[in-house]
Amino acid sequence: MRRSSHPADLTDLHILVVEDNELNLEIAVFSLEAAGLNVSTAINGLEAVRLFEKSNPYEYDIILMDIMMPVMNGLDAAKAIRGLSRPDAPTVPIIALSANAFAEDIQKSKNAGINEHLAKPLEMDKVLKVIASYCKWQKETDTRYVLHIFSEFLFYKKSDYQAICHFPDNPIFILLTSQMLSLYCHNAETFLLPQMP
């Protein structure tokens, strides 16, 4: 799902940093804010899940998630976020931060729904490039926000097939809805759309 590998203007992107080590958190917040990001923080996985759950859909553009934390670790927190019943839960990029970077550790992150696994100690230039690769496209097009409007409606109405059929049967609506479903909805492959004429 990465869109670019080039560092970008990350101004105004909202990032959630989840880290239990006070010094590491302070350094991360300082570096990310210096790059122009709006930073929110959590000190364990459970706090992160609660913050995400209480936030507005698409409020967070990306999450940096430490793995080894008390109360709830990063893997369990990522699984919990992916399991929430909201349209951005399956798509918000989650980046793991861990001192363990063996193949089995990376696989565990993938199994938990994490998009990327970065090794500690962090190289901030690399972190910013990874953030840009997942988020730069969001600032370059308004399509995401158009799809957001459709997802807000259809996510909560998707159990009712008539929710789609009540709209005018025009190709533009069907195309946008198809794109939205493929990006944002749970089980999009089982949700049938009207056929274009």
C-alpha atoms as a PDB file:
ATOM      1  CA  MET A   1       0.000   0.000   0.000  1.00  0.00           C
ATOM      2  CA  ARG A   2       3.035   2.284  -0.080  1.00  0.00           C
ATOM      3  CA  ARG A   3       2.713   5.149  -2.562  1.00  0.00           C
ATOM      4  CA  SER A   4       6.119   6.814  -2.521  1.00  0.00           C
ATOM      5  CA  SER A   5       9.626   6.181  -1.244  1.00  0.00           C
ATOM      6  CA  HIS A   6      10.676   9.851  -1.304  1.00  0.00           C
ATOM      7  CA  PRO A   7      10.705  12.124   1.744  1.00  0.00           C
ATOM      8  CA  ALA A   8       7.709  14.455   1.623  1.00  0.00           C
ATOM      9  CA  ASP A   9       6.236  17.499   3.253  1.00  0.00           C
ATOM     10  CA  LEU A  10       4.596  15.814   6.224  1.00  0.00           C
ATOM     11  CA  THR A  11       3.174  19.007   7.689  1.00  0.00           C
ATOM     12  CA  ASP A  12      -0.126  18.550   9.511  1.00  0.00           C
ATOM     13  CA  LEU A  13      -0.175  14.771   9.323  1.00  0.00           C
ATOM     14  CA  HIS A  14      -1.447  13.393  12.640  1.00  0.00           C
ATOM     15  CA  ILE A  15       0.655  10.585  14.080  1.00  0.00           C
ATOM     16  CA  LEU A  16       0.099   8.472  17.181  1.00  0.00           C
ATOM     17  CA  VAL A  17       3.364   7.415  18.844  1.00  0.00           C
ATOM     18  CA  VAL A  18       3.082   4.508  21.270  1.00  0.00           C
ATOM     19  CA  GLU A  19       6.189   4.088  23.433  1.00  0.00           C
ATOM     20  CA  ASP A  20       6.638   3.233  27.111  1.00  0.00           C
ATOM     21  CA  ASN A  21      10.216   4.503  27.456  1.00  0.00           C
ATOM     22  CA  GLU A  22      10.045   8.162  28.467  1.00  0.00           C
ATOM     23  CA  LEU A  23      13.351   9.169  26.868  1.00  0.00           C
ATOM     24  CA  ASN A  24      12.623   7.352  23.592  1.00  0.00           C
ATOM     25  CA  LEU A  25       9.187   8.957  23.490  1.00  0.00           C
ATOM     26  CA  GLU A  26      10.593  12.422  24.118  1.00  0.00           C
ATOM     27  CA  ILE A  27      13.157  12.032  21.329  1.00  0.00           C
ATOM     28  CA  ALA A  28      10.567  10.693  18.887  1.00  0.00           C
ATOM     29  CA  VAL A  29       8.101  13.492  19.628  1.00  0.00           C
ATOM     30  CA  PHE A  30      10.808  16.160  19.247  1.00  0.00           C
ATOM     31  CA  SER A  31      12.006  14.753  15.913  1.00  0.00           C
ATOM     32  CA  LEU A  32       8.532  14.235  14.465  1.00  0.00           C
ATOM     33  CA  GLU A  33       7.287  17.667  15.485  1.00  0.00           C
ATOM     34  CA  ALA A  34      10.435  19.180  13.955  1.00  0.00           C
ATOM     35  CA  ALA A  35       9.394  17.524  10.690  1.00  0.00           C
ATOM     36  CA  GLY A  36       6.001  19.209  10.912  1.00  0.00           C
ATOM     37  CA  LEU A  37       3.820  16.374  12.171  1.00  0.00           C
ATOM     38  CA  ASN A  38       1.100  16.701  14.790  1.00  0.00           C
ATOM     39  CA  VAL A  39       1.991  14.133  17.444  1.00  0.00           C
ATOM     40  CA  SER A  40      -0.214  12.365  19.975  1.00  0.00           C
ATOM     41  CA  THR A  41       1.259   9.857  22.410  1.00  0.00           C
ATOM     42  CA  ALA A  42       0.385   6.758  24.393  1.00  0.00           C
ATOM     43  CA  ILE A  43       2.590   4.915  26.888  1.00  0.00           C
ATOM     44  CA  ASN A  44       1.228   1.413  26.330  1.00  0.00           C
ATOM     45  CA  GLY A  45      -0.842  -0.561  23.861  1.00  0.00           C
ATOM     46  CA  LEU A  46      -4.082  -0.369  25.800  1.00  0.00           C
ATOM     47  CA  GLU A  47      -3.911   3.416  25.975  1.00  0.00           C
ATOM     48  CA  ALA A  48      -3.247   3.504  22.232  1.00  0.00           C
ATOM     49  CA  VAL A  49      -6.288   1.350  21.471  1.00  0.00           C
ATOM     50  CA  ARG A  50      -8.493   3.554  23.648  1.00  0.00           C
ATOM     51  CA  LEU A  51      -7.198   6.748  22.031  1.00  0.00           C
ATOM     52  CA  PHE A  52      -7.774   5.355  18.567  1.00  0.00           C
ATOM     53  CA  GLU A  53     -11.229   4.080  19.492  1.00  0.00           C
ATOM     54  CA  LYS A  54     -12.278   7.494  20.837  1.00  0.00           C
ATOM     55  CA  SER A  55     -10.854   9.439  17.894  1.00  0.00           C
ATOM     56  CA  ASN A  56     -12.813  10.502  14.833  1.00  0.00           C
ATOM     57  CA  PRO A  57     -12.478   8.223  11.793  1.00  0.00           C
ATOM     58  CA  TYR A  58      -9.281   9.039   9.863  1.00  0.00           C
ATOM     59  CA  GLU A  59      -8.089  11.389  12.617  1.00  0.00           C
ATOM     60  CA  TYR A  60      -4.790   9.505  12.783  1.00  0.00           C
ATOM     61  CA  ASP A  61      -2.821   9.234   9.546  1.00  0.00           C
ATOM     62  CA  ILE A  62      -0.317   6.712  10.890  1.00  0.00           C
ATOM     63  CA  ILE A  63       0.677   4.927  14.119  1.00  0.00           C
ATOM     64  CA  LEU A  64       4.211   4.224  15.387  1.00  0.00           C
ATOM     65  CA  MET A  65       3.914   1.253  17.724  1.00  0.00           C
ATOM     66  CA  ASP A  66       6.559  -0.012  20.137  1.00  0.00           C
ATOM     67  CA  ILE A  67       6.348  -3.791  20.533  1.00  0.00           C
ATOM     68  CA  MET A  68       7.625  -4.498  24.063  1.00  0.00           C
ATOM     69  CA  MET A  69       5.373  -2.563  26.463  1.00  0.00           C
ATOM     70  CA  PRO A  70       3.608  -3.190  29.783  1.00  0.00           C
ATOM     71  CA  VAL A  71      -0.184  -3.517  30.146  1.00  0.00           C
ATOM     72  CA  MET A  72      -0.623  -4.383  26.442  1.00  0.00           C
ATOM     73  CA  ASN A  73       2.180  -5.027  23.968  1.00  0.00           C
ATOM     74  CA  GLY A  74       2.329  -3.602  20.463  1.00  0.00           C
ATOM     75  CA  LEU A  75       1.270  -6.780  18.684  1.00  0.00           C
ATOM     76  CA  ASP A  76      -1.888  -7.143  20.762  1.00  0.00           C
ATOM     77  CA  ALA A  77      -2.620  -3.440  20.373  1.00  0.00           C
ATOM     78  CA  ALA A  78      -2.320  -3.666  16.586  1.00  0.00           C
ATOM     79  CA  LYS A  79      -4.662  -6.659  16.515  1.00  0.00           C
ATOM     80  CA  ALA A  80      -7.147  -4.784  18.696  1.00  0.00           C
ATOM     81  CA  ILE A  81      -7.077  -1.719  16.440  1.00  0.00           C
ATOM     82  CA  ARG A  82      -7.548  -3.830  13.310  1.00  0.00           C
ATOM     83  CA  GLY A  83     -10.543  -5.486  14.967  1.00  0.00           C
ATOM     84  CA  LEU A  84     -12.411  -2.272  15.770  1.00  0.00           C
ATOM     85  CA  SER A  85     -15.722  -1.677  14.004  1.00  0.00           C
ATOM     86  CA  ARG A  86     -14.840   1.569  12.245  1.00  0.00           C
ATOM     87  CA  PRO A  87     -13.922   2.296   8.624  1.00  0.00           C
ATOM     88  CA  ASP A  88     -10.297   3.336   9.207  1.00  0.00           C
ATOM     89  CA  ALA A  89      -9.363   0.398  11.459  1.00  0.00           C
ATOM     90  CA  PRO A  90      -8.270  -1.926   8.640  1.00  0.00           C
ATOM     91  CA  THR A  91      -6.344   0.741   6.729  1.00  0.00           C
ATOM     92  CA  VAL A  92      -4.502   3.059   9.124  1.00  0.00           C
ATOM     93  CA  PRO A  93      -0.783   2.341   8.638  1.00  0.00           C
ATOM     94  CA  ILE A  94       0.840   0.835  11.744  1.00  0.00           C
ATOM     95  CA  ILE A  95       4.647   0.840  11.967  1.00  0.00           C
ATOM     96  CA  ALA A  96       6.329  -1.420  14.511  1.00  0.00           C
ATOM     97  CA  LEU A  97       9.319  -0.175  16.521  1.00  0.00           C
ATOM     98  CA  SER A  98      11.374  -2.977  18.028  1.00  0.00           C
ATOM     99  CA  ALA A  99      14.871  -3.906  19.129  1.00  0.00           C
ATOM    100  CA  ASN A 100      14.121  -7.364  17.720  1.00  0.00           C
ATOM    101  CA  ALA A 101      14.284  -7.445  13.936  1.00  0.00           C
ATOM    102  CA  PHE A 102      14.762 -11.106  13.056  1.00  0.00           C
ATOM    103  CA  ALA A 103      12.631 -12.652  10.350  1.00  0.00           C
ATOM    104  CA  GLU A 104      10.339 -14.285  12.907  1.00  0.00           C
ATOM    105  CA  ASP A 105       9.790 -10.920  14.627  1.00  0.00           C
ATOM    106  CA  ILE A 106       8.874  -9.265  11.343  1.00  0.00           C
ATOM    107  CA  GLN A 107       6.481 -12.114  10.560  1.00  0.00           C
ATOM    108  CA  LYS A 108       4.792 -11.718  13.951  1.00  0.00           C
ATOM    109  CA  SER A 109       4.253  -8.051  13.151  1.00  0.00           C
ATOM    110  CA  LYS A 110       2.723  -8.893   9.795  1.00  0.00           C
ATOM    111  CA  ASN A 111       0.462 -11.459  11.414  1.00  0.00           C
ATOM    112  CA  ALA A 112      -0.754  -8.784  13.826  1.00  0.00           C
ATOM    113  CA  GLY A 113      -1.730  -6.477  10.971  1.00  0.00           C
ATOM    114  CA  ILE A 114       1.338  -4.247  11.155  1.00  0.00           C
ATOM    115  CA  ASN A 115       2.481  -2.713   7.870  1.00  0.00           C
ATOM    116  CA  GLU A 116       6.178  -2.155   8.552  1.00  0.00           C
ATOM    117  CA  HIS A 117       8.765  -3.288  11.111  1.00  0.00           C
ATOM    118  CA  LEU A 118      11.586  -0.874  11.998  1.00  0.00           C
ATOM    119  CA  ALA A 119      14.537  -1.834  14.170  1.00  0.00           C
ATOM    120  CA  LYS A 120      15.714   0.172  17.168  1.00  0.00           C
ATOM    121  CA  PRO A 121      17.703   2.294  17.700  1.00  0.00           C
ATOM    122  CA  LEU A 122      15.677   4.348  15.244  1.00  0.00           C
ATOM    123  CA  GLU A 123      17.218   6.261  12.365  1.00  0.00           C
ATOM    124  CA  MET A 124      14.861   9.229  12.110  1.00  0.00           C
ATOM    125  CA  ASP A 125      15.583   9.849   8.431  1.00  0.00           C
ATOM    126  CA  LYS A 126      14.456   6.296   7.724  1.00  0.00           C
ATOM    127  CA  VAL A 127      11.391   6.690   9.936  1.00  0.00           C
ATOM    128  CA  LEU A 128      10.359   9.849   8.072  1.00  0.00           C
ATOM    129  CA  LYS A 129      10.841   8.137   4.712  1.00  0.00           C
ATOM    130  CA  VAL A 130       8.609   5.273   5.822  1.00  0.00           C
ATOM    131  CA  ILE A 131       5.964   7.703   7.072  1.00  0.00           C
ATOM    132  CA  ALA A 132       6.131   9.555   3.766  1.00  0.00           C
ATOM    133  CA  SER A 133       5.810   6.333   1.811  1.00  0.00           C
ATOM    134  CA  TYR A 134       2.483   5.580   3.471  1.00  0.00           C
ATOM    135  CA  CYS A 135       1.082   9.086   3.879  1.00  0.00           C
ATOM    136  CA  LYS A 136       2.372  11.361   1.117  1.00  0.00           C
ATOM    137  CA  TRP A 137      -0.410  10.326  -1.262  1.00  0.00           C
ATOM    138  CA  GLN A 138      -3.021  11.464   1.259  1.00  0.00           C
ATOM    139  CA  LYS A 139      -1.839  15.072   0.910  1.00  0.00           C
ATOM    140  CA  GLU A 140      -1.582  14.993  -2.889  1.00  0.00           C
ATOM    141  CA  THR A 141      -5.167  14.123  -3.813  1.00  0.00           C
ATOM    142  CA  ASP A 142      -8.661  14.844  -2.569  1.00  0.00           C
ATOM    143  CA  THR A 143      -9.853  11.407  -3.709  1.00  0.00           C
ATOM    144  CA  ARG A 144      -9.199   9.956  -0.242  1.00  0.00           C
ATOM    145  CA  TYR A 145     -11.596  12.436   1.290  1.00  0.00           C
ATOM    146  CA  VAL A 146     -14.277  11.795  -1.341  1.00  0.00           C
ATOM    147  CA  LEU A 147     -13.983   8.087  -0.611  1.00  0.00           C
ATOM    148  CA  HIS A 148     -14.068   8.879   3.094  1.00  0.00           C
ATOM    149  CA  ILE A 149     -17.551  10.362   2.690  1.00  0.00           C
ATOM    150  CA  PHE A 150     -18.780   7.242   0.899  1.00  0.00           C
ATOM    151  CA  SER A 151     -17.125   4.959   3.440  1.00  0.00           C
ATOM    152  CA  GLU A 152     -18.706   6.805   6.360  1.00  0.00           C
ATOM    153  CA  PHE A 153     -22.140   6.055   4.929  1.00  0.00           C
ATOM    154  CA  LEU A 154     -21.634   2.608   3.476  1.00  0.00           C
ATOM    155  CA  PHE A 155     -19.545   1.191   6.333  1.00  0.00           C
ATOM    156  CA  TYR A 156     -22.430   1.616   8.729  1.00  0.00           C
ATOM    157  CA  LYS A 157     -25.025   0.599   6.115  1.00  0.00           C
ATOM    158  CA  LYS A 158     -23.151  -2.214   4.407  1.00  0.00           C
ATOM    159  CA  SER A 159     -25.345  -4.915   5.945  1.00  0.00           C
ATOM    160  CA  ASP A 160     -28.216  -3.486   3.887  1.00  0.00           C
ATOM    161  CA  TYR A 161     -27.680  -4.040   0.171  1.00  0.00           C
ATOM    162  CA  GLN A 162     -30.449  -1.555  -0.586  1.00  0.00           C
ATOM    163  CA  ALA A 163     -28.250   1.212   0.816  1.00  0.00           C
ATOM    164  CA  ILE A 164     -26.382   1.146  -2.494  1.00  0.00           C
ATOM    165  CA  CYS A 165     -29.315   0.486  -4.785  1.00  0.00           C
ATOM    166  CA  HIS A 166     -31.175   3.572  -3.585  1.00  0.00           C
ATOM    167  CA  PHE A 167     -28.578   5.769  -5.242  1.00  0.00           C
ATOM    168  CA  PRO A 168     -28.819   6.689  -8.955  1.00  0.00           C
ATOM    169  CA  ASP A 169     -27.381   3.874 -11.000  1.00  0.00           C
ATOM    170  CA  ASN A 170     -24.640   5.888 -12.686  1.00  0.00           C
ATOM    171  CA  PRO A 171     -21.135   4.739 -13.604  1.00  0.00           C
ATOM    172  CA  ILE A 172     -19.320   7.464 -11.613  1.00  0.00           C
ATOM    173  CA  PHE A 173     -21.048   6.544  -8.351  1.00  0.00           C
ATOM    174  CA  ILE A 174     -20.441   2.845  -8.923  1.00  0.00           C
ATOM    175  CA  LEU A 175     -16.759   3.428  -9.742  1.00  0.00           C
ATOM    176  CA  LEU A 176     -16.147   5.561  -6.653  1.00  0.00           C
ATOM    177  CA  THR A 177     -18.047   3.138  -4.461  1.00  0.00           C
ATOM    178  CA  SER A 178     -16.026   0.207  -5.802  1.00  0.00           C
ATOM    179  CA  GLN A 179     -12.789   2.043  -5.062  1.00  0.00           C
ATOM    180  CA  MET A 180     -13.969   2.927  -1.582  1.00  0.00           C
ATOM    181  CA  LEU A 181     -14.961  -0.629  -0.778  1.00  0.00           C
ATOM    182  CA  SER A 182     -11.643  -2.016  -1.947  1.00  0.00           C
ATOM    183  CA  LEU A 183      -9.789   0.466   0.276  1.00  0.00           C
ATOM    184  CA  TYR A 184     -11.855   0.764   3.407  1.00  0.00           C
ATOM    185  CA  CYS A 185     -14.595  -1.795   3.990  1.00  0.00           C
ATOM    186  CA  HIS A 186     -14.275  -5.103   5.799  1.00  0.00           C
ATOM    187  CA  ASN A 187     -14.966  -8.122   3.566  1.00  0.00           C
ATOM    188  CA  ALA A 188     -15.237  -5.913   0.496  1.00  0.00           C
ATOM    189  CA  GLU A 189     -14.793  -8.914  -1.785  1.00  0.00           C
ATOM    190  CA  THR A 190     -18.124 -10.336  -0.612  1.00  0.00           C
ATOM    191  CA  PHE A 191     -20.041  -7.093  -0.957  1.00  0.00           C
ATOM    192  CA  LEU A 192     -21.581  -7.038  -4.440  1.00  0.00           C
ATOM    193  CA  LEU A 193     -22.203  -3.869  -6.411  1.00  0.00           C
ATOM    194  CA  PRO A 194     -24.765  -3.237  -9.168  1.00  0.00           C
ATOM    195  CA  GLN A 195     -23.405  -4.011 -12.603  1.00  0.00           C
ATOM    196  CA  MET A 196     -22.539  -1.067 -14.808  1.00  0.00           C
ATOM    197  CA  PRO A 197     -24.646  -0.905 -17.974  1.00  0.00           C
END
